[in-house]
Amino acid sequence: MKLKEIIRNIKVICCTADPETEISGVSYDSRRVQPGDLFVAVRGFSSDGHRYIPMAREKGAAAILCEELPEDASACVQTDNCRLGLALCSRDFFGNPAAEMTVIGITGTSGKTTTSYLMKHMLEAKLGAKVGLIGTNGNWIGQEELHTEHTTPESNDLQRLFRCMADAGCTHVVMEVSSHSLSLDRVAGIHFDTAVYTNLSQDHLDFHGSMEEYAAAKRLLFSRCGVGCINVDDPWADYMCMGADCKILSYSAEREDADLMAKDVRLSASGVRFTAVHRAETAETFLKIPGSFSVYNALAVMAAGLTLGLSLADCADALRDAKGVKGRLELVPTDGNGTVLIDYCHKPDALEKVLRSLRPVTRGRLIVLFGCGGDRDRLKRPIMGRIAAENADLVVVTSDNPRTEEPMAIIEEILAGIQGSETPTQVICDRVEAIGWAIDNLLPGDVLLLAGKGHEDYQVVGHEKHHMDEREIVADALKRRKS
């Protein structure tokens, strides 16, 4: 492809490169540059791509996209935003593959992963579609799972993934859209046929700085879609709707004026049941994932399904057959003496929602085991401690990906939120030991929530990942308990 075709949609300040130059690829990592590539000098948080222009040229880059011209300004294209440039150049290089598929984006603090998997299942079950999925738990092309490092990949990797999905015959793509991806232009240039908003609570303030900035990032999605499905029970819903340049389909479990409503909600340990109402149509709905938030996940999926032409009955029928998602209130086999659930809830609002949803179906004690990640938002640590103490009968505080921080220092900040509470609290820094202790003390009727790790099968200590799967730890603890 010629350079002029790749840069036609970006702002060009200066061009010293031959527009007729043949470009064989687009790269933002100088280590991966191949001969004939366009190298994009992206400014990162820890490094500046402009420093690696000489390395990219040594590897055979045919042209450079940059914000500042280097001393040797030959074969350069200068623009004012290389992140946006990378997104648009990558999209055009790969032939805008997203436009060949129906794209559904899901944003919000909690519920994105479960909603995306349920959405994929519904499209496969009711449309016979081959569906691509991009999210926290991994990327999928139909039934083939791919490895992922970020909720939303860098724009160049995302466009390459879209191309693979389109070439593999995918007709639909369901993707989690993080606030980072919106702020950093990773999803720039993509039109979403349907966008879903789940909820907003404190998270990623180390990056965004304030809830207002966090919400503003999420709201960007609704300026880039055809229809927005909004949870109008969420306090930030009006803000999201105000910034929307699209049609809105509202969903609610509380408001009678919503387009899609859940009525007669019934919660149990086996899942949630409710009557879905959309205009004159009703459908009895059952989802095999316990917790009141499952009502909202189900409504989000049904709302998106309606925008894609499915009937309410078809949406409800698909949800009845849907399985749970790994690490999202995942039931772990036990010896019958108590219930063990694994959930990814690593944020204050998510932890509170899960604990409150489990309380009505807990016959004995509600026990929560959790920690907080190192090198991440410190403000949430005492908040999560307080939430755990207020909503559980027993709290076990331990480690969760301490990274480069001292684990006990993180735990002390969590305990600050528990101080003064009468809720029994056990502190065991080693997570494996903590889970073993919790299993040893589990009684019939108790519910033990292992919070924070979810689908992860590792622990990050320093800069290294160490294998640690909570399912295996529980199984080993149960074997010891029986012996």
Protein backbone atom coordinates (compact mmCIF):
# COMPACT_ATOMS: atom_id res chain seq x y z
CA MET A 1 0.00 0.00 0.00
CA LYS A 2 1.30 3.47 -0.81
CA LEU A 3 2.15 5.90 1.99
CA LYS A 4 -0.33 8.48 0.68
CA GLU A 5 -3.18 5.99 1.11
CA ILE A 6 -2.21 5.25 4.71
CA ILE A 7 -1.87 8.87 5.85
CA ARG A 8 -4.83 10.29 3.93
CA ASN A 9 -7.04 10.60 7.05
CA ILE A 10 -4.54 12.10 9.48
CA LYS A 11 -3.48 15.70 10.00
CA VAL A 12 -0.17 16.16 8.16
CA ILE A 13 1.91 19.15 9.28
CA CYS A 14 4.95 18.39 7.18
CA CYS A 15 5.91 15.54 4.84
CA THR A 16 9.47 14.88 3.68
CA ALA A 17 8.65 11.33 2.56
CA ASP A 18 7.71 10.33 -0.97
CA PRO A 19 3.91 9.82 -0.90
CA GLU A 20 4.33 7.03 -3.48
CA THR A 21 6.53 4.97 -1.11
CA GLU A 22 5.27 1.40 -0.77
CA ILE A 23 4.52 0.53 2.87
CA SER A 24 4.44 -3.12 3.92
CA GLY A 25 3.31 -2.66 7.52
CA VAL A 26 2.65 -0.24 10.39
CA SER A 27 4.60 -0.56 13.64
CA TYR A 28 4.83 1.39 16.90
CA ASP A 29 7.48 -0.87 18.50
CA SER A 30 10.96 -0.35 17.09
CA ARG A 31 11.92 -3.90 18.10
CA ARG A 32 9.27 -5.31 15.76
CA VAL A 33 9.91 -3.09 12.75
CA GLN A 34 10.21 -4.98 9.47
CA PRO A 35 11.75 -3.64 6.23
CA GLY A 36 9.25 -1.39 4.47
CA ASP A 37 7.24 -0.49 7.61
CA LEU A 38 5.86 2.87 8.61
CA PHE A 39 7.20 3.43 12.13
CA VAL A 40 4.95 5.52 14.38
CA ALA A 41 6.83 7.29 17.18
CA VAL A 42 4.25 7.13 19.97
CA ARG A 43 4.95 8.90 23.25
CA GLY A 44 4.35 6.41 26.08
CA PHE A 45 4.31 6.74 29.86
CA SER A 46 7.77 5.27 30.39
CA SER A 47 9.39 5.86 26.99
CA ASP A 48 9.15 8.11 23.95
CA GLY A 49 9.00 6.48 20.53
CA HIS A 50 10.93 9.41 19.05
CA ARG A 51 14.06 8.08 20.82
CA TYR A 52 13.83 4.88 18.78
CA ILE A 53 13.57 6.42 15.32
CA PRO A 54 17.25 5.57 14.56
CA MET A 55 16.66 1.93 15.57
CA ALA A 56 13.55 1.76 13.39
CA ARG A 57 15.52 3.09 10.44
CA GLU A 58 18.31 0.56 11.05
CA LYS A 59 15.69 -2.18 10.85
CA GLY A 60 14.47 -0.90 7.49
CA ALA A 61 11.55 1.44 8.23
CA ALA A 62 10.53 3.06 4.94
CA ALA A 63 8.95 6.12 6.60
CA ILE A 64 8.50 7.68 10.04
CA LEU A 65 5.35 9.21 11.52
CA CYS A 66 6.30 11.60 14.31
CA GLU A 67 5.26 14.70 16.25
CA GLU A 68 8.74 16.23 16.26
CA LEU A 69 11.07 15.95 13.29
CA PRO A 70 14.41 14.28 14.12
CA GLU A 71 17.77 15.75 13.08
CA ASP A 72 17.66 13.56 10.01
CA ALA A 73 14.19 14.56 8.85
CA SER A 74 14.23 12.52 5.67
CA ALA A 75 11.28 10.22 4.91
CA CYS A 76 9.21 11.68 7.76
CA VAL A 77 5.55 12.58 8.14
CA GLN A 78 4.88 15.06 10.94
CA THR A 79 1.52 15.09 12.71
CA ASP A 80 0.22 16.59 15.95
CA ASN A 81 -0.95 13.34 17.61
CA CYS A 82 0.86 10.08 16.94
CA ARG A 83 -1.56 8.01 19.03
CA LEU A 84 -4.45 9.14 16.89
CA GLY A 85 -2.24 8.80 13.83
CA LEU A 86 -1.39 5.21 14.74
CA ALA A 87 -5.08 4.34 15.08
CA LEU A 88 -6.13 5.88 11.77
CA CYS A 89 -3.11 4.71 9.79
CA SER A 90 -3.54 1.16 11.13
CA ARG A 91 -7.24 1.17 10.31
CA ASP A 92 -6.62 2.26 6.75
CA PHE A 93 -3.62 -0.05 6.26
CA PHE A 94 -5.74 -3.07 7.24
CA GLY A 95 -8.64 -1.90 5.08
CA ASN A 96 -10.99 -0.78 7.88
CA PRO A 97 -11.95 -4.36 8.81
CA ALA A 98 -14.37 -3.32 11.57
CA ALA A 99 -16.64 -1.86 8.90
CA GLU A 100 -17.06 -5.37 7.48
CA MET A 101 -18.64 -6.60 10.74
CA THR A 102 -21.28 -5.53 13.25
CA VAL A 103 -19.40 -4.10 16.23
CA ILE A 104 -20.86 -4.01 19.75
CA GLY A 105 -18.88 -2.09 22.39
CA ILE A 106 -19.45 -2.46 26.14
CA THR A 107 -18.14 0.10 28.62
CA GLY A 108 -18.57 0.74 32.35
CA THR A 109 -16.76 -0.12 35.57
CA SER A 110 -18.38 -3.48 36.31
CA GLY A 111 -20.18 -6.10 34.27
CA LYS A 112 -18.33 -5.66 30.96
CA THR A 113 -16.82 -9.14 30.80
CA THR A 114 -19.90 -11.10 31.79
CA THR A 115 -22.07 -9.00 29.49
CA SER A 116 -19.69 -9.53 26.57
CA TYR A 117 -19.66 -13.32 26.97
CA LEU A 118 -23.43 -13.46 27.32
CA MET A 119 -23.73 -11.27 24.22
CA LYS A 120 -21.44 -13.56 22.24
CA HIS A 121 -23.49 -16.57 23.31
CA MET A 122 -26.76 -14.91 22.30
CA LEU A 123 -25.51 -13.92 18.83
CA GLU A 124 -24.20 -17.43 18.21
CA ALA A 125 -27.35 -19.11 19.51
CA LYS A 126 -29.94 -16.90 17.83
CA LEU A 127 -28.24 -15.59 14.70
CA GLY A 128 -25.89 -18.47 14.01
CA ALA A 129 -23.20 -15.81 13.83
CA LYS A 130 -19.46 -16.32 14.03
CA VAL A 131 -18.49 -13.87 16.75
CA GLY A 132 -15.20 -12.27 17.69
CA LEU A 133 -14.72 -11.23 21.31
CA ILE A 134 -12.17 -8.81 22.76
CA GLY A 135 -11.88 -8.39 26.51
CA THR A 136 -10.34 -8.91 29.91
CA ASN A 137 -10.66 -12.69 29.94
CA GLY A 138 -9.12 -13.08 26.49
CA ASN A 139 -9.78 -12.63 22.81
CA TRP A 140 -11.80 -15.12 20.77
CA ILE A 141 -12.32 -15.72 17.07
CA GLY A 142 -15.38 -17.93 17.11
CA GLN A 143 -14.36 -20.81 19.40
CA GLU A 144 -10.61 -20.16 19.13
CA GLU A 145 -9.10 -18.42 22.17
CA LEU A 146 -6.22 -15.97 21.76
CA HIS A 147 -3.89 -14.51 24.40
CA THR A 148 -4.31 -10.89 25.52
CA GLU A 149 -2.43 -8.44 27.72
CA HIS A 150 -4.85 -5.48 27.75
CA THR A 151 -8.64 -5.15 27.99
CA THR A 152 -8.47 -3.24 24.72
CA PRO A 153 -5.28 -3.82 22.67
CA GLU A 154 -3.17 -0.97 21.26
CA SER A 155 -4.83 0.43 18.13
CA ASN A 156 -2.44 -1.24 15.70
CA ASP A 157 -2.90 -4.65 17.35
CA LEU A 158 -6.65 -4.08 17.53
CA GLN A 159 -6.93 -3.37 13.81
CA ARG A 160 -4.80 -6.42 13.02
CA LEU A 161 -7.12 -8.48 15.22
CA PHE A 162 -10.17 -7.06 13.44
CA ARG A 163 -8.64 -8.06 10.12
CA CYS A 164 -8.04 -11.62 11.39
CA MET A 165 -11.64 -11.80 12.61
CA ALA A 166 -13.11 -10.52 9.35
CA ASP A 167 -10.91 -12.84 7.27
CA ALA A 168 -11.96 -15.77 9.49
CA GLY A 169 -15.60 -15.11 8.68
CA CYS A 170 -16.73 -13.26 11.80
CA THR A 171 -19.91 -11.30 11.19
CA HIS A 172 -20.03 -9.71 14.66
CA VAL A 173 -17.50 -8.44 17.19
CA VAL A 174 -18.26 -7.91 20.87
CA MET A 175 -15.63 -5.93 22.73
CA GLU A 176 -15.04 -4.43 26.13
CA VAL A 177 -14.11 -0.78 25.68
CA SER A 178 -11.99 0.50 28.55
CA SER A 179 -11.63 4.11 29.61
CA HIS A 180 -7.91 3.87 28.84
CA SER A 181 -8.62 2.82 25.25
CA LEU A 182 -10.96 5.76 24.77
CA SER A 183 -8.59 8.29 26.36
CA LEU A 184 -5.55 6.97 24.51
CA ASP A 185 -7.24 6.79 21.08
CA ARG A 186 -6.90 3.00 20.82
CA VAL A 187 -10.44 2.77 19.43
CA ALA A 188 -10.30 5.98 17.38
CA GLY A 189 -11.74 5.63 13.89
CA ILE A 190 -14.04 2.72 14.80
CA HIS A 191 -17.80 3.01 14.38
CA PHE A 192 -19.75 0.94 16.90
CA ASP A 193 -23.13 -0.24 15.71
CA THR A 194 -24.28 -0.65 19.32
CA ALA A 195 -22.67 0.62 22.52
CA VAL A 196 -23.64 -0.51 26.02
CA TYR A 197 -23.12 1.38 29.30
CA THR A 198 -23.27 -0.73 32.46
CA ASN A 199 -22.36 1.51 35.42
CA LEU A 200 -19.67 3.76 36.85
CA SER A 201 -17.87 3.60 40.19
CA GLN A 202 -14.42 4.51 41.49
CA ASP A 203 -11.63 2.93 39.45
CA HIS A 204 -8.52 3.93 37.49
CA LEU A 205 -8.28 7.28 39.28
CA ASP A 206 -4.51 6.85 39.25
CA PHE A 207 -4.82 7.40 35.49
CA HIS A 208 -7.82 9.71 35.11
CA GLY A 209 -7.35 11.80 38.26
CA SER A 210 -11.05 12.30 39.03
CA MET A 211 -14.43 10.64 38.58
CA GLU A 212 -15.42 13.42 36.20
CA GLU A 213 -12.48 12.67 33.90
CA TYR A 214 -13.16 8.94 34.19
CA ALA A 215 -16.80 9.47 33.21
CA ALA A 216 -15.82 11.80 30.36
CA ALA A 217 -13.62 9.06 28.91
CA LYS A 218 -16.45 6.52 29.05
CA ARG A 219 -18.87 8.99 27.47
CA LEU A 220 -16.72 9.25 24.34
CA LEU A 221 -18.05 5.86 23.22
CA PHE A 222 -21.54 7.30 22.75
CA SER A 223 -20.29 9.84 20.24
CA ARG A 224 -19.05 6.98 18.05
CA CYS A 225 -22.01 4.60 17.84
CA GLY A 226 -25.35 4.10 16.14
CA VAL A 227 -27.39 3.17 19.22
CA GLY A 228 -26.50 3.44 22.90
CA CYS A 229 -27.96 1.09 25.53
CA ILE A 230 -27.84 2.92 28.87
CA ASN A 231 -28.47 1.61 32.39
CA VAL A 232 -30.59 4.51 33.62
CA ASP A 233 -30.55 3.24 37.22
CA ASP A 234 -26.90 4.28 37.43
CA PRO A 235 -26.21 7.77 38.88
CA TRP A 236 -24.01 8.71 35.92
CA ALA A 237 -26.61 7.72 33.31
CA ASP A 238 -27.85 11.27 32.64
CA TYR A 239 -24.28 12.41 32.09
CA MET A 240 -23.74 9.63 29.56
CA CYS A 241 -26.97 10.45 27.73
CA MET A 242 -26.10 14.17 27.58
CA GLY A 243 -22.95 13.40 25.62
CA ALA A 244 -24.53 10.89 23.28
CA ASP A 245 -24.69 11.57 19.53
CA CYS A 246 -26.85 8.49 18.96
CA LYS A 247 -30.23 6.98 19.61
CA ILE A 248 -30.71 5.76 23.19
CA LEU A 249 -32.38 2.58 24.40
CA SER A 250 -32.66 2.76 28.19
CA TYR A 251 -32.86 -0.24 30.50
CA SER A 252 -33.78 -0.41 34.19
CA ALA A 253 -34.89 -2.58 37.07
CA GLU A 254 -36.40 0.41 38.86
CA ARG A 255 -37.81 2.98 36.44
CA GLU A 256 -41.16 2.58 34.73
CA ASP A 257 -40.21 5.00 31.96
CA ALA A 258 -37.29 2.88 30.70
CA ASP A 259 -37.51 1.29 27.25
CA LEU A 260 -36.62 -2.12 28.69
CA MET A 261 -37.58 -3.06 32.24
CA ALA A 262 -37.07 -5.96 34.64
CA LYS A 263 -40.11 -6.64 36.79
CA ASP A 264 -40.88 -9.22 39.47
CA VAL A 265 -37.19 -9.90 40.16
CA ARG A 266 -36.49 -13.13 42.07
CA LEU A 267 -33.04 -13.95 43.44
CA SER A 268 -31.75 -17.36 44.47
CA ALA A 269 -28.50 -19.29 44.79
CA SER A 270 -29.18 -20.80 41.36
CA GLY A 271 -29.48 -17.48 39.54
CA VAL A 272 -31.90 -14.65 38.81
CA ARG A 273 -35.43 -14.64 37.38
CA PHE A 274 -37.47 -11.67 36.20
CA THR A 275 -40.07 -10.58 33.68
CA ALA A 276 -38.56 -8.50 30.90
CA VAL A 277 -40.86 -5.83 29.46
CA HIS A 278 -40.28 -3.95 26.21
CA ARG A 279 -43.26 -2.01 24.90
CA ALA A 280 -46.09 -4.54 24.54
CA GLU A 281 -43.78 -7.56 24.67
CA THR A 282 -42.90 -9.53 27.81
CA ALA A 283 -40.58 -12.50 28.36
CA GLU A 284 -39.81 -14.62 31.41
CA THR A 285 -36.06 -14.49 31.87
CA PHE A 286 -33.68 -16.75 33.81
CA LEU A 287 -29.90 -16.40 34.07
CA LYS A 288 -27.83 -19.01 35.91
CA ILE A 289 -25.57 -16.48 37.61
CA PRO A 290 -26.56 -15.44 41.17
CA GLY A 291 -26.62 -11.83 42.31
CA SER A 292 -28.82 -8.81 41.72
CA PHE A 293 -26.26 -7.34 39.30
CA SER A 294 -26.96 -10.31 37.04
CA VAL A 295 -30.32 -8.69 36.37
CA TYR A 296 -28.50 -5.69 34.93
CA ASN A 297 -26.09 -7.82 32.92
CA ALA A 298 -29.05 -9.67 31.44
CA LEU A 299 -30.88 -6.42 30.67
CA ALA A 300 -27.76 -5.01 28.98
CA VAL A 301 -27.54 -8.04 26.71
CA MET A 302 -31.24 -7.97 25.92
CA ALA A 303 -31.14 -4.24 25.16
CA ALA A 304 -28.26 -4.73 22.74
CA GLY A 305 -30.04 -7.69 21.19
CA LEU A 306 -33.11 -5.55 20.55
CA THR A 307 -31.00 -2.97 18.72
CA LEU A 308 -29.70 -5.75 16.47
CA GLY A 309 -33.16 -6.96 15.49
CA LEU A 310 -33.68 -9.84 17.92
CA SER A 311 -37.02 -10.25 19.64
CA LEU A 312 -37.32 -10.04 23.41
CA ALA A 313 -38.34 -13.71 23.48
CA ASP A 314 -35.22 -14.73 21.56
CA CYS A 315 -33.01 -12.76 23.94
CA ALA A 316 -34.61 -14.38 26.98
CA ASP A 317 -34.37 -17.84 25.44
CA ALA A 318 -30.65 -17.39 24.77
CA LEU A 319 -29.96 -16.27 28.35
CA ARG A 320 -31.67 -19.36 29.78
CA ASP A 321 -29.04 -21.55 28.11
CA ALA A 322 -26.05 -19.30 28.89
CA LYS A 323 -23.25 -20.55 31.11
CA GLY A 324 -21.31 -18.48 33.60
CA VAL A 325 -18.00 -16.78 32.90
CA LYS A 326 -14.71 -17.93 34.38
CA GLY A 327 -13.87 -15.81 37.40
CA ARG A 328 -17.27 -14.13 37.56
CA LEU A 329 -19.10 -15.64 40.55
CA GLU A 330 -17.60 -18.94 39.47
CA LEU A 331 -18.72 -21.81 41.67
CA VAL A 332 -15.79 -23.97 42.80
CA PRO A 333 -16.48 -27.63 43.64
CA THR A 334 -16.25 -28.37 47.39
CA ASP A 335 -16.96 -31.27 49.69
CA GLY A 336 -20.43 -29.90 50.44
CA ASN A 337 -19.42 -28.12 53.63
CA GLY A 338 -20.00 -24.60 52.45
CA THR A 339 -19.90 -22.79 49.10
CA VAL A 340 -16.82 -21.27 47.47
CA LEU A 341 -17.11 -18.63 44.74
CA ILE A 342 -14.37 -16.90 42.75
CA ASP A 343 -15.02 -13.40 41.43
CA TYR A 344 -12.88 -10.73 39.80
CA CYS A 345 -14.38 -7.93 41.94
CA HIS A 346 -11.25 -5.90 42.73
CA LYS A 347 -12.91 -2.51 42.96
CA PRO A 348 -14.98 -1.03 45.82
CA ASP A 349 -18.30 -0.87 44.01
CA ALA A 350 -17.91 -4.33 42.51
CA LEU A 351 -16.99 -5.88 45.86
CA GLU A 352 -19.96 -4.25 47.55
CA LYS A 353 -22.36 -5.37 44.84
CA VAL A 354 -21.17 -8.98 44.99
CA LEU A 355 -21.31 -9.18 48.78
CA ARG A 356 -24.76 -7.62 48.93
CA SER A 357 -26.01 -9.96 46.23
CA LEU A 358 -24.73 -13.00 48.15
CA ARG A 359 -26.20 -12.02 51.51
CA PRO A 360 -29.81 -13.06 50.74
CA VAL A 361 -28.71 -16.54 49.59
CA THR A 362 -26.25 -17.22 52.45
CA ARG A 363 -27.53 -19.53 55.21
CA GLY A 364 -24.41 -19.39 57.37
CA ARG A 365 -21.57 -16.87 57.43
CA LEU A 366 -20.59 -14.72 54.48
CA ILE A 367 -16.79 -14.76 54.33
CA VAL A 368 -14.71 -12.61 52.01
CA LEU A 369 -11.01 -13.05 51.22
CA PHE A 370 -9.33 -10.25 49.27
CA GLY A 371 -6.37 -7.93 48.81
CA CYS A 372 -5.52 -4.91 46.69
CA GLY A 373 -3.09 -4.69 43.79
CA GLY A 374 0.23 -2.92 44.17
CA ASP A 375 1.21 0.08 42.01
CA ARG A 376 -2.47 0.87 41.52
CA ASP A 377 -5.09 3.23 42.98
CA ARG A 378 -4.22 3.49 46.70
CA LEU A 379 -7.35 5.47 47.55
CA LYS A 380 -9.57 2.42 47.15
CA ARG A 381 -7.71 0.26 49.70
CA PRO A 382 -9.33 1.53 52.94
CA ILE A 383 -12.64 1.84 51.10
CA MET A 384 -12.55 -1.84 50.18
CA GLY A 385 -11.62 -2.70 53.76
CA ARG A 386 -14.63 -0.81 55.06
CA ILE A 387 -16.96 -2.39 52.48
CA ALA A 388 -15.74 -5.88 53.36
CA ALA A 389 -16.23 -5.32 57.10
CA GLU A 390 -19.69 -3.81 56.62
CA ASN A 391 -21.00 -6.54 54.33
CA ALA A 392 -19.31 -9.78 55.45
CA ASP A 393 -19.34 -11.80 58.66
CA LEU A 394 -15.65 -12.64 58.45
CA VAL A 395 -12.90 -10.83 56.53
CA VAL A 396 -9.61 -12.40 55.44
CA VAL A 397 -7.12 -9.80 54.21
CA THR A 398 -4.27 -11.04 52.05
CA SER A 399 -2.19 -10.17 48.95
CA ASP A 400 -3.34 -9.61 45.38
CA ASN A 401 -0.64 -8.85 42.79
CA PRO A 402 1.57 -6.74 45.10
CA ARG A 403 3.87 -5.94 42.17
CA THR A 404 6.68 -3.64 43.36
CA GLU A 405 5.03 -2.64 46.66
CA GLU A 406 5.59 -4.26 50.03
CA PRO A 407 2.59 -6.60 50.56
CA MET A 408 2.15 -5.80 54.26
CA ALA A 409 2.19 -2.07 53.51
CA ILE A 410 -0.76 -2.59 51.16
CA ILE A 411 -2.55 -4.67 53.79
CA GLU A 412 -2.04 -1.94 56.42
CA GLU A 413 -3.81 0.55 54.13
CA ILE A 414 -6.71 -1.90 53.73
CA LEU A 415 -6.91 -2.42 57.50
CA ALA A 416 -7.23 1.33 58.03
CA GLY A 417 -10.73 1.04 56.60
CA ILE A 418 -11.61 -1.86 58.92
CA GLN A 419 -10.37 -0.15 62.09
CA GLY A 420 -13.14 0.17 64.66
CA SER A 421 -15.28 -2.53 63.05
CA GLU A 422 -16.51 -5.45 65.14
CA THR A 423 -16.33 -7.82 62.15
CA PRO A 424 -13.73 -10.56 62.81
CA THR A 425 -10.69 -10.05 60.60
CA GLN A 426 -7.86 -12.45 59.81
CA VAL A 427 -4.64 -11.18 58.22
CA ILE A 428 -2.55 -13.72 56.28
CA CYS A 429 -0.16 -12.12 53.81
CA ASP A 430 0.47 -15.24 51.69
CA ARG A 431 -2.64 -15.77 49.56
CA VAL A 432 -2.18 -19.54 49.29
CA GLU A 433 -2.00 -19.83 53.08
CA ALA A 434 -4.95 -17.48 53.46
CA ILE A 435 -7.16 -19.58 51.19
CA GLY A 436 -6.08 -22.74 53.02
CA TRP A 437 -7.04 -21.15 56.35
CA ALA A 438 -10.41 -20.05 55.00
CA ILE A 439 -11.18 -23.54 53.67
CA ASP A 440 -10.18 -25.11 56.99
CA ASN A 441 -12.62 -22.82 58.79
CA LEU A 442 -15.51 -23.15 56.32
CA LEU A 443 -18.71 -24.49 57.90
CA PRO A 444 -21.88 -25.93 56.35
CA GLY A 445 -24.04 -23.09 55.05
CA ASP A 446 -21.10 -20.67 54.81
CA VAL A 447 -20.33 -18.83 51.58
CA LEU A 448 -16.66 -18.01 50.93
CA LEU A 449 -15.97 -15.34 48.29
CA LEU A 450 -12.43 -15.29 46.90
CA ALA A 451 -12.37 -11.76 45.53
CA GLY A 452 -10.01 -9.99 43.18
CA LYS A 453 -8.27 -12.65 41.09
CA GLY A 454 -11.19 -13.98 39.07
CA HIS A 455 -9.94 -15.51 35.84
CA GLU A 456 -6.29 -14.80 36.65
CA ASP A 457 -4.11 -17.84 37.29
CA TYR A 458 -1.06 -15.93 38.46
CA GLN A 459 0.28 -13.60 41.15
CA VAL A 460 2.47 -10.64 40.15
CA VAL A 461 5.35 -10.11 42.58
CA GLY A 462 7.84 -7.46 41.57
CA HIS A 463 7.80 -7.54 37.79
CA GLU A 464 7.32 -11.30 37.50
CA LYS A 465 4.23 -13.47 37.16
CA HIS A 466 4.09 -16.61 39.27
CA HIS A 467 1.54 -19.37 38.63
CA MET A 468 -1.26 -19.30 41.18
CA ASP A 469 -4.70 -20.69 40.32
CA GLU A 470 -7.24 -20.37 43.12
CA ARG A 471 -9.18 -23.37 41.81
CA GLU A 472 -6.12 -25.55 42.34
CA ILE A 473 -5.47 -24.01 45.76
CA VAL A 474 -9.04 -24.75 46.90
CA ALA A 475 -8.83 -28.33 45.60
CA ASP A 476 -5.52 -28.91 47.43
CA ALA A 477 -6.91 -27.39 50.63
CA LEU A 478 -9.97 -29.64 50.47
CA LYS A 479 -7.76 -32.72 50.00
CA ARG A 480 -5.73 -31.79 53.08
CA ARG A 481 -8.92 -31.20 55.00
CA LYS A 482 -10.21 -34.69 54.19
CA SER A 483 -6.95 -36.43 55.07
